[in-house]
């Protein structure tokens, strides 16, 4: 999964290559991760147990 960080900038020298590895073709955003976290912390996920949710833009699909 790719996120724009100081160690992995979206405009860095290997950014285009890394984006090519992600089926969605872009870096993820903090808001996308926060949405999953909010879901897991909410009532709709109250009956979920032992689940693994991968937030990687499809890299491990």
Protein backbone atom coordinates (compact mmCIF):
# COMPACT_ATOMS: atom_id res chain seq x y z
CA UNK A 1 0.00 0.00 0.00
CA UNK A 2 1.23 3.42 -0.81
CA UNK A 3 0.61 6.60 1.14
CA UNK A 4 2.22 10.00 0.66
CA UNK A 5 4.67 10.38 3.55
CA UNK A 6 8.02 12.05 4.16
CA UNK A 7 9.75 8.70 3.61
CA UNK A 8 7.59 7.77 0.60
CA UNK A 9 6.62 11.01 -1.16
CA UNK A 10 4.03 10.88 -3.94
CA UNK A 11 6.37 12.99 -6.06
CA UNK A 12 9.53 11.02 -5.21
CA UNK A 13 11.79 9.36 -7.76
CA UNK A 14 10.13 5.94 -7.44
CA UNK A 15 6.55 7.21 -7.03
CA UNK A 16 5.44 6.35 -10.57
CA UNK A 17 6.77 2.81 -10.25
CA UNK A 18 5.07 2.34 -6.87
CA UNK A 19 1.78 3.68 -8.25
CA UNK A 20 2.02 1.16 -11.09
CA UNK A 21 2.00 -1.66 -8.52
CA UNK A 22 -1.34 -0.52 -7.05
CA UNK A 23 -4.39 -1.57 -9.13
CA UNK A 24 -6.14 1.71 -8.29
CA UNK A 25 -3.08 3.51 -9.70
CA UNK A 26 -2.75 6.10 -6.96
CA UNK A 27 -1.59 6.68 -3.42
CA UNK A 28 -4.10 6.17 -0.61
CA UNK A 29 -5.28 8.99 1.60
CA UNK A 30 -5.50 9.27 5.38
CA UNK A 31 -9.25 9.85 5.00
CA UNK A 32 -9.65 6.45 3.33
CA UNK A 33 -7.97 4.72 6.25
CA UNK A 34 -9.97 6.82 8.73
CA UNK A 35 -13.19 5.70 7.08
CA UNK A 36 -12.37 2.05 7.72
CA UNK A 37 -11.34 2.82 11.30
CA UNK A 38 -14.59 4.73 11.87
CA UNK A 39 -16.58 1.79 10.53
CA UNK A 40 -14.78 -0.67 12.80
CA UNK A 41 -15.34 1.57 15.81
CA UNK A 42 -19.04 2.00 15.06
CA UNK A 43 -22.20 0.02 15.72
CA UNK A 44 -22.34 -1.53 12.25
CA UNK A 45 -19.20 -3.51 12.99
CA UNK A 46 -20.30 -4.59 16.48
CA UNK A 47 -20.91 -8.21 15.42
CA UNK A 48 -17.64 -8.57 13.50
CA UNK A 49 -15.02 -10.84 14.99
CA UNK A 50 -11.60 -11.95 13.82
CA UNK A 51 -11.71 -10.18 10.48
CA UNK A 52 -8.80 -8.87 8.46
CA UNK A 53 -9.48 -5.81 6.34
CA UNK A 54 -6.73 -4.87 3.94
CA UNK A 55 -6.53 -1.21 2.95
CA UNK A 56 -4.10 -1.34 0.05
CA UNK A 57 -5.82 -0.15 -3.12
CA UNK A 58 -6.01 -3.72 -4.40
CA UNK A 59 -2.30 -4.61 -4.18
CA UNK A 60 -2.96 -7.92 -2.42
CA UNK A 61 -6.07 -8.82 -4.39
